[in-house]
Amino acid sequence: MTGTSDQTPPRRSECTLTHPCAANPELWFSEDAAGIAEAKAACGPCPSRVECAEEGEYEPHGVWGGRSPEDRAEVRRARVILREEMITMKINSMQGRGLSISAMAREVGLPRKTLADRLRKMTGLAA
C-alpha cells in the first residue's frame, strides 16, 4: 500500500483486516499449488478484489484479485474469442442487410482488406 503526499495510507492494522495480502504478501507469489489455492481463496472476501484483478491483469507472477497468471491468460483469451464472435455476428447481420464490404469495414472498425480476407475465410472461398 502506498500513499502520496496528499493522502494518508491506511494504518497497517486496518489494511490487514480488509486486505488479506497485507498480512502475508509472500503467499500471493507462492509457486506451489497449495499456496496459490490459499491465496486465491483469501482474495474472495477482499473489498479490493476487482481493482486488484484489473491492476494485475498483465502481471506475469503472483495471484492478483484471486487470479493466477494462468487464470489471467485464460480471461484474456476468452475476451478475444468473445470479441471475434461478436464481430462475426455483426458481419453476418450486415451481410444480411446487403451492406458493402467498405460499409461493413467502417462499421466494425477493420481495414477493408482485413474484412475482405475474413469474409473469404468465413465463406470458404479461395483468396
N, C-alpha and C. Protein backbone atom coordinates (compact mmCIF):
# COMPACT_ATOMS: atom_id res chain seq x y z
N MET A 1 0.85 -1.17 0.00
CA MET A 1 0.00 0.00 0.00
C MET A 1 0.90 1.23 0.00
N THR A 2 0.61 2.13 -0.89
CA THR A 2 1.40 3.34 -0.93
C THR A 2 0.50 4.54 -0.79
N GLY A 3 1.03 5.60 -0.31
CA GLY A 3 0.28 6.83 -0.19
C GLY A 3 1.06 7.96 -0.82
N THR A 4 0.39 9.00 -1.27
CA THR A 4 1.07 10.15 -1.81
C THR A 4 1.08 11.22 -0.74
N SER A 5 1.72 12.33 -1.04
CA SER A 5 1.85 13.39 -0.04
C SER A 5 0.49 13.93 0.40
N ASP A 6 -0.53 13.87 -0.46
CA ASP A 6 -1.84 14.40 -0.09
C ASP A 6 -2.80 13.32 0.41
N GLN A 7 -2.33 12.08 0.53
CA GLN A 7 -3.16 11.00 1.04
C GLN A 7 -2.45 10.33 2.20
N THR A 8 -3.23 9.92 3.15
CA THR A 8 -2.68 9.18 4.26
C THR A 8 -2.95 7.71 4.03
N PRO A 9 -1.89 6.88 3.98
CA PRO A 9 -2.14 5.46 3.77
C PRO A 9 -2.87 4.85 4.95
N PRO A 10 -3.63 3.79 4.73
CA PRO A 10 -4.34 3.18 5.85
C PRO A 10 -3.35 2.63 6.86
N ARG A 11 -3.77 2.62 8.12
CA ARG A 11 -2.92 2.02 9.14
C ARG A 11 -2.80 0.53 8.86
N ARG A 12 -1.66 -0.03 9.17
CA ARG A 12 -1.40 -1.45 8.87
C ARG A 12 -2.49 -2.34 9.47
N SER A 13 -2.95 -2.06 10.68
CA SER A 13 -3.96 -2.92 11.29
C SER A 13 -5.27 -2.88 10.50
N GLU A 14 -5.67 -1.71 9.98
CA GLU A 14 -6.89 -1.61 9.17
C GLU A 14 -6.71 -2.36 7.86
N CYS A 15 -5.54 -2.19 7.25
CA CYS A 15 -5.25 -2.82 5.97
C CYS A 15 -5.26 -4.34 6.12
N THR A 16 -4.68 -4.85 7.17
CA THR A 16 -4.62 -6.29 7.39
C THR A 16 -6.02 -6.87 7.57
N LEU A 17 -6.91 -6.10 8.18
CA LEU A 17 -8.27 -6.60 8.38
C LEU A 17 -9.06 -6.67 7.08
N THR A 18 -8.82 -5.74 6.17
CA THR A 18 -9.62 -5.70 4.95
C THR A 18 -8.91 -6.28 3.74
N HIS A 19 -7.61 -6.32 3.74
CA HIS A 19 -6.83 -6.83 2.60
C HIS A 19 -5.93 -7.97 3.08
N PRO A 20 -6.33 -9.20 2.82
CA PRO A 20 -5.58 -10.34 3.34
C PRO A 20 -4.14 -10.38 2.85
N CYS A 21 -3.85 -9.81 1.69
CA CYS A 21 -2.48 -9.84 1.16
C CYS A 21 -1.53 -8.99 1.99
N ALA A 22 -2.06 -8.05 2.73
CA ALA A 22 -1.19 -7.19 3.55
C ALA A 22 -0.59 -7.96 4.72
N ALA A 23 -1.26 -8.98 5.20
CA ALA A 23 -0.77 -9.74 6.34
C ALA A 23 0.37 -10.67 5.95
N ASN A 24 0.33 -11.22 4.75
CA ASN A 24 1.34 -12.20 4.32
C ASN A 24 1.56 -12.07 2.81
N PRO A 25 2.21 -11.00 2.35
CA PRO A 25 2.35 -10.76 0.91
C PRO A 25 3.06 -11.88 0.15
N GLU A 26 3.97 -12.60 0.83
CA GLU A 26 4.71 -13.66 0.15
C GLU A 26 3.80 -14.77 -0.37
N LEU A 27 2.70 -15.01 0.32
CA LEU A 27 1.77 -16.06 -0.09
C LEU A 27 1.24 -15.82 -1.50
N TRP A 28 1.06 -14.57 -1.87
CA TRP A 28 0.49 -14.23 -3.17
C TRP A 28 1.47 -14.47 -4.32
N PHE A 29 2.71 -14.80 -3.98
CA PHE A 29 3.70 -15.10 -5.01
C PHE A 29 4.24 -16.52 -4.83
N SER A 30 3.45 -17.36 -4.20
CA SER A 30 3.80 -18.75 -3.98
C SER A 30 3.87 -19.46 -5.32
N GLU A 31 4.74 -20.46 -5.41
CA GLU A 31 4.86 -21.22 -6.65
C GLU A 31 4.26 -22.61 -6.53
N ASP A 32 3.84 -22.99 -5.32
CA ASP A 32 3.24 -24.32 -5.17
C ASP A 32 1.72 -24.20 -5.22
N ALA A 33 1.09 -25.27 -5.68
CA ALA A 33 -0.36 -25.28 -5.89
C ALA A 33 -1.14 -24.97 -4.62
N ALA A 34 -0.69 -25.48 -3.49
CA ALA A 34 -1.41 -25.25 -2.23
C ALA A 34 -1.36 -23.77 -1.84
N GLY A 35 -0.21 -23.15 -2.00
CA GLY A 35 -0.08 -21.73 -1.68
C GLY A 35 -0.91 -20.86 -2.60
N ILE A 36 -0.92 -21.20 -3.88
CA ILE A 36 -1.72 -20.45 -4.86
C ILE A 36 -3.20 -20.59 -4.53
N ALA A 37 -3.63 -21.80 -4.21
CA ALA A 37 -5.04 -22.03 -3.86
C ALA A 37 -5.42 -21.25 -2.60
N GLU A 38 -4.52 -21.22 -1.62
CA GLU A 38 -4.80 -20.48 -0.39
C GLU A 38 -4.91 -18.98 -0.67
N ALA A 39 -4.01 -18.45 -1.48
CA ALA A 39 -4.06 -17.02 -1.82
C ALA A 39 -5.34 -16.69 -2.58
N LYS A 40 -5.71 -17.54 -3.54
CA LYS A 40 -6.93 -17.30 -4.32
C LYS A 40 -8.16 -17.31 -3.41
N ALA A 41 -8.20 -18.24 -2.48
CA ALA A 41 -9.34 -18.33 -1.56
C ALA A 41 -9.40 -17.11 -0.65
N ALA A 42 -8.25 -16.64 -0.21
CA ALA A 42 -8.21 -15.48 0.68
C ALA A 42 -8.65 -14.21 -0.03
N CYS A 43 -8.53 -14.16 -1.33
CA CYS A 43 -8.95 -12.98 -2.10
C CYS A 43 -10.47 -12.83 -2.14
N GLY A 44 -11.19 -13.92 -1.95
CA GLY A 44 -12.64 -13.92 -2.09
C GLY A 44 -13.35 -12.77 -1.40
N PRO A 45 -13.16 -12.57 -0.10
CA PRO A 45 -13.89 -11.51 0.58
C PRO A 45 -13.22 -10.13 0.52
N CYS A 46 -12.09 -10.02 -0.14
CA CYS A 46 -11.35 -8.76 -0.15
C CYS A 46 -12.15 -7.66 -0.86
N PRO A 47 -12.25 -6.48 -0.25
CA PRO A 47 -13.01 -5.38 -0.86
C PRO A 47 -12.34 -4.79 -2.10
N SER A 48 -11.08 -5.10 -2.32
CA SER A 48 -10.35 -4.55 -3.47
C SER A 48 -10.12 -5.59 -4.57
N ARG A 49 -10.84 -6.69 -4.52
CA ARG A 49 -10.60 -7.79 -5.44
C ARG A 49 -10.70 -7.37 -6.91
N VAL A 50 -11.72 -6.64 -7.28
CA VAL A 50 -11.90 -6.24 -8.68
C VAL A 50 -10.77 -5.32 -9.13
N GLU A 51 -10.46 -4.32 -8.32
CA GLU A 51 -9.40 -3.38 -8.66
C GLU A 51 -8.06 -4.10 -8.75
N CYS A 52 -7.83 -5.03 -7.84
CA CYS A 52 -6.59 -5.79 -7.81
C CYS A 52 -6.47 -6.65 -9.07
N ALA A 53 -7.55 -7.30 -9.46
CA ALA A 53 -7.54 -8.13 -10.67
C ALA A 53 -7.24 -7.28 -11.90
N GLU A 54 -7.81 -6.08 -11.96
CA GLU A 54 -7.55 -5.18 -13.09
C GLU A 54 -6.10 -4.73 -13.09
N GLU A 55 -5.59 -4.37 -11.92
CA GLU A 55 -4.22 -3.89 -11.82
C GLU A 55 -3.21 -4.97 -12.20
N GLY A 56 -3.50 -6.21 -11.83
CA GLY A 56 -2.57 -7.30 -12.08
C GLY A 56 -2.82 -8.08 -13.35
N GLU A 57 -3.71 -7.59 -14.22
CA GLU A 57 -4.11 -8.35 -15.40
C GLU A 57 -2.93 -8.84 -16.24
N TYR A 58 -1.90 -8.02 -16.39
CA TYR A 58 -0.78 -8.40 -17.24
C TYR A 58 0.48 -8.74 -16.44
N GLU A 59 0.34 -8.89 -15.13
CA GLU A 59 1.47 -9.27 -14.29
C GLU A 59 1.82 -10.73 -14.56
N PRO A 60 3.10 -11.03 -14.77
CA PRO A 60 3.48 -12.41 -15.08
C PRO A 60 3.55 -13.33 -13.86
N HIS A 61 3.53 -12.77 -12.66
CA HIS A 61 3.68 -13.58 -11.45
C HIS A 61 2.65 -13.18 -10.41
N GLY A 62 2.34 -14.11 -9.55
CA GLY A 62 1.51 -13.82 -8.39
C GLY A 62 0.02 -13.94 -8.62
N VAL A 63 -0.69 -14.00 -7.49
CA VAL A 63 -2.15 -14.03 -7.50
C VAL A 63 -2.62 -12.58 -7.34
N TRP A 64 -3.45 -12.14 -8.26
CA TRP A 64 -3.99 -10.77 -8.24
C TRP A 64 -5.50 -10.87 -8.35
N GLY A 65 -6.20 -10.36 -7.38
CA GLY A 65 -7.66 -10.39 -7.41
C GLY A 65 -8.22 -11.80 -7.49
N GLY A 66 -7.52 -12.75 -6.91
CA GLY A 66 -7.99 -14.13 -6.92
C GLY A 66 -7.65 -14.89 -8.18
N ARG A 67 -6.79 -14.33 -9.04
CA ARG A 67 -6.45 -14.98 -10.30
C ARG A 67 -4.95 -15.22 -10.39
N SER A 68 -4.61 -16.44 -10.79
CA SER A 68 -3.21 -16.79 -11.04
C SER A 68 -2.82 -16.29 -12.43
N PRO A 69 -1.52 -16.34 -12.79
CA PRO A 69 -1.15 -15.94 -14.15
C PRO A 69 -1.89 -16.74 -15.22
N GLU A 70 -2.11 -18.03 -14.96
CA GLU A 70 -2.84 -18.87 -15.93
C GLU A 70 -4.30 -18.44 -16.03
N ASP A 71 -4.90 -18.10 -14.88
CA ASP A 71 -6.29 -17.62 -14.89
C ASP A 71 -6.41 -16.33 -15.69
N ARG A 72 -5.44 -15.44 -15.48
CA ARG A 72 -5.48 -14.15 -16.18
C ARG A 72 -5.33 -14.34 -17.68
N ALA A 73 -4.45 -15.26 -18.08
CA ALA A 73 -4.27 -15.54 -19.51
C ALA A 73 -5.56 -16.11 -20.10
N GLU A 74 -6.23 -16.97 -19.36
CA GLU A 74 -7.49 -17.56 -19.83
C GLU A 74 -8.57 -16.48 -20.00
N VAL A 75 -8.61 -15.53 -19.08
CA VAL A 75 -9.58 -14.43 -19.18
C VAL A 75 -9.29 -13.61 -20.44
N ARG A 76 -8.02 -13.34 -20.70
CA ARG A 76 -7.68 -12.57 -21.91
C ARG A 76 -8.05 -13.34 -23.17
N ARG A 77 -7.78 -14.67 -23.19
CA ARG A 77 -8.15 -15.48 -24.35
C ARG A 77 -9.67 -15.48 -24.55
N ALA A 78 -10.40 -15.60 -23.47
CA ALA A 78 -11.87 -15.61 -23.56
C ALA A 78 -12.38 -14.28 -24.11
N ARG A 79 -11.76 -13.17 -23.71
CA ARG A 79 -12.17 -11.86 -24.23
C ARG A 79 -11.95 -11.78 -25.73
N VAL A 80 -10.81 -12.30 -26.20
CA VAL A 80 -10.52 -12.28 -27.64
C VAL A 80 -11.54 -13.12 -28.39
N ILE A 81 -11.84 -14.30 -27.88
CA ILE A 81 -12.82 -15.18 -28.53
C ILE A 81 -14.19 -14.51 -28.57
N LEU A 82 -14.60 -13.92 -27.46
CA LEU A 82 -15.89 -13.23 -27.42
C LEU A 82 -15.93 -12.07 -28.40
N ARG A 83 -14.85 -11.30 -28.46
CA ARG A 83 -14.79 -10.17 -29.39
C ARG A 83 -14.90 -10.68 -30.84
N GLU A 84 -14.18 -11.74 -31.15
CA GLU A 84 -14.23 -12.29 -32.51
C GLU A 84 -15.63 -12.80 -32.84
N GLU A 85 -16.28 -13.45 -31.89
CA GLU A 85 -17.64 -13.94 -32.13
C GLU A 85 -18.61 -12.78 -32.34
N MET A 86 -18.43 -11.71 -31.58
CA MET A 86 -19.31 -10.55 -31.73
C MET A 86 -19.11 -9.90 -33.09
N ILE A 87 -17.86 -9.80 -33.53
CA ILE A 87 -17.59 -9.22 -34.85
C ILE A 87 -18.20 -10.10 -35.94
N THR A 88 -18.05 -11.41 -35.82
CA THR A 88 -18.63 -12.33 -36.82
C THR A 88 -20.14 -12.18 -36.88
N MET A 89 -20.79 -12.11 -35.72
CA MET A 89 -22.25 -11.93 -35.71
C MET A 89 -22.64 -10.61 -36.36
N LYS A 90 -21.88 -9.58 -36.08
CA LYS A 90 -22.18 -8.27 -36.67
C LYS A 90 -21.99 -8.31 -38.18
N ILE A 91 -20.93 -8.96 -38.64
CA ILE A 91 -20.68 -9.08 -40.09
C ILE A 91 -21.82 -9.84 -40.75
N ASN A 92 -22.23 -10.96 -40.15
CA ASN A 92 -23.33 -11.74 -40.71
C ASN A 92 -24.61 -10.90 -40.81
N SER A 93 -24.87 -10.12 -39.79
CA SER A 93 -26.05 -9.27 -39.80
C SER A 93 -25.96 -8.22 -40.91
N MET A 94 -24.79 -7.62 -41.05
CA MET A 94 -24.61 -6.60 -42.07
C MET A 94 -24.70 -7.19 -43.47
N GLN A 95 -24.18 -8.42 -43.63
CA GLN A 95 -24.30 -9.09 -44.93
C GLN A 95 -25.77 -9.30 -45.26
N GLY A 96 -26.54 -9.71 -44.28
CA GLY A 96 -27.97 -9.93 -44.48
C GLY A 96 -28.70 -8.67 -44.89
N ARG A 97 -28.19 -7.53 -44.45
CA ARG A 97 -28.80 -6.26 -44.82
C ARG A 97 -28.26 -5.73 -46.15
N GLY A 98 -27.27 -6.45 -46.73
CA GLY A 98 -26.75 -6.08 -48.03
C GLY A 98 -25.73 -4.95 -48.02
N LEU A 99 -25.08 -4.72 -46.90
CA LEU A 99 -24.07 -3.65 -46.84
C LEU A 99 -22.84 -4.04 -47.65
N SER A 100 -22.17 -3.04 -48.18
CA SER A 100 -20.95 -3.26 -48.94
C SER A 100 -19.81 -3.61 -47.98
N ILE A 101 -18.73 -4.17 -48.53
CA ILE A 101 -17.57 -4.50 -47.70
C ILE A 101 -17.00 -3.24 -47.06
N SER A 102 -16.95 -2.16 -47.82
CA SER A 102 -16.43 -0.89 -47.27
C SER A 102 -17.28 -0.41 -46.10
N ALA A 103 -18.60 -0.47 -46.24
CA ALA A 103 -19.50 -0.03 -45.18
C ALA A 103 -19.35 -0.93 -43.95
N MET A 104 -19.24 -2.23 -44.18
CA MET A 104 -19.07 -3.16 -43.07
C MET A 104 -17.74 -2.91 -42.36
N ALA A 105 -16.67 -2.67 -43.13
CA ALA A 105 -15.36 -2.42 -42.54
C ALA A 105 -15.40 -1.19 -41.65
N ARG A 106 -16.06 -0.13 -42.12
CA ARG A 106 -16.19 1.07 -41.29
C ARG A 106 -16.97 0.77 -40.02
N GLU A 107 -18.03 0.01 -40.16
CA GLU A 107 -18.91 -0.31 -39.03
C GLU A 107 -18.19 -1.09 -37.93
N VAL A 108 -17.36 -2.07 -38.31
CA VAL A 108 -16.68 -2.90 -37.31
C VAL A 108 -15.28 -2.39 -36.98
N GLY A 109 -14.83 -1.35 -37.67
CA GLY A 109 -13.53 -0.76 -37.36
C GLY A 109 -12.35 -1.58 -37.84
N LEU A 110 -12.51 -2.29 -38.97
CA LEU A 110 -11.43 -3.07 -39.55
C LEU A 110 -11.04 -2.48 -40.89
N PRO A 111 -9.78 -2.63 -41.29
CA PRO A 111 -9.42 -2.22 -42.65
C PRO A 111 -10.21 -3.06 -43.66
N ARG A 112 -10.52 -2.46 -44.79
CA ARG A 112 -11.34 -3.14 -45.81
C ARG A 112 -10.72 -4.46 -46.24
N LYS A 113 -9.41 -4.49 -46.46
CA LYS A 113 -8.74 -5.72 -46.89
C LYS A 113 -8.84 -6.80 -45.82
N THR A 114 -8.69 -6.42 -44.57
CA THR A 114 -8.80 -7.38 -43.48
C THR A 114 -10.20 -7.99 -43.46
N LEU A 115 -11.21 -7.15 -43.61
CA LEU A 115 -12.58 -7.65 -43.62
C LEU A 115 -12.82 -8.54 -44.84
N ALA A 116 -12.30 -8.14 -46.01
CA ALA A 116 -12.47 -8.96 -47.22
C ALA A 116 -11.83 -10.32 -47.03
N ASP A 117 -10.64 -10.36 -46.44
CA ASP A 117 -9.96 -11.63 -46.17
C ASP A 117 -10.78 -12.48 -45.19
N ARG A 118 -11.31 -11.84 -44.20
CA ARG A 118 -12.12 -12.56 -43.21
C ARG A 118 -13.38 -13.14 -43.85
N LEU A 119 -14.03 -12.36 -44.72
CA LEU A 119 -15.23 -12.85 -45.41
C LEU A 119 -14.90 -14.05 -46.30
N ARG A 120 -13.73 -14.02 -46.96
CA ARG A 120 -13.32 -15.15 -47.78
C ARG A 120 -13.18 -16.41 -46.93
N LYS A 121 -12.56 -16.27 -45.76
CA LYS A 121 -12.39 -17.41 -44.85
C LYS A 121 -13.74 -17.90 -44.34
N MET A 122 -14.63 -16.96 -44.01
CA MET A 122 -15.93 -17.33 -43.48
C MET A 122 -16.76 -18.08 -44.51
N THR A 123 -16.63 -17.71 -45.77
CA THR A 123 -17.44 -18.33 -46.82
C THR A 123 -16.74 -19.52 -47.46
N GLY A 124 -15.45 -19.70 -47.12
CA GLY A 124 -14.71 -20.82 -47.69
C GLY A 124 -14.21 -20.60 -49.10
N LEU A 125 -14.29 -19.37 -49.58
CA LEU A 125 -13.82 -19.04 -50.92
C LEU A 125 -12.31 -18.85 -50.91
N ALA A 126 -11.64 -19.22 -51.98
CA ALA A 126 -10.19 -19.04 -52.09
C ALA A 126 -9.88 -17.57 -52.24
N ALA A 127 -8.72 -17.20 -51.77
CA ALA A 127 -8.30 -15.78 -51.84
C ALA A 127 -7.97 -15.36 -53.25
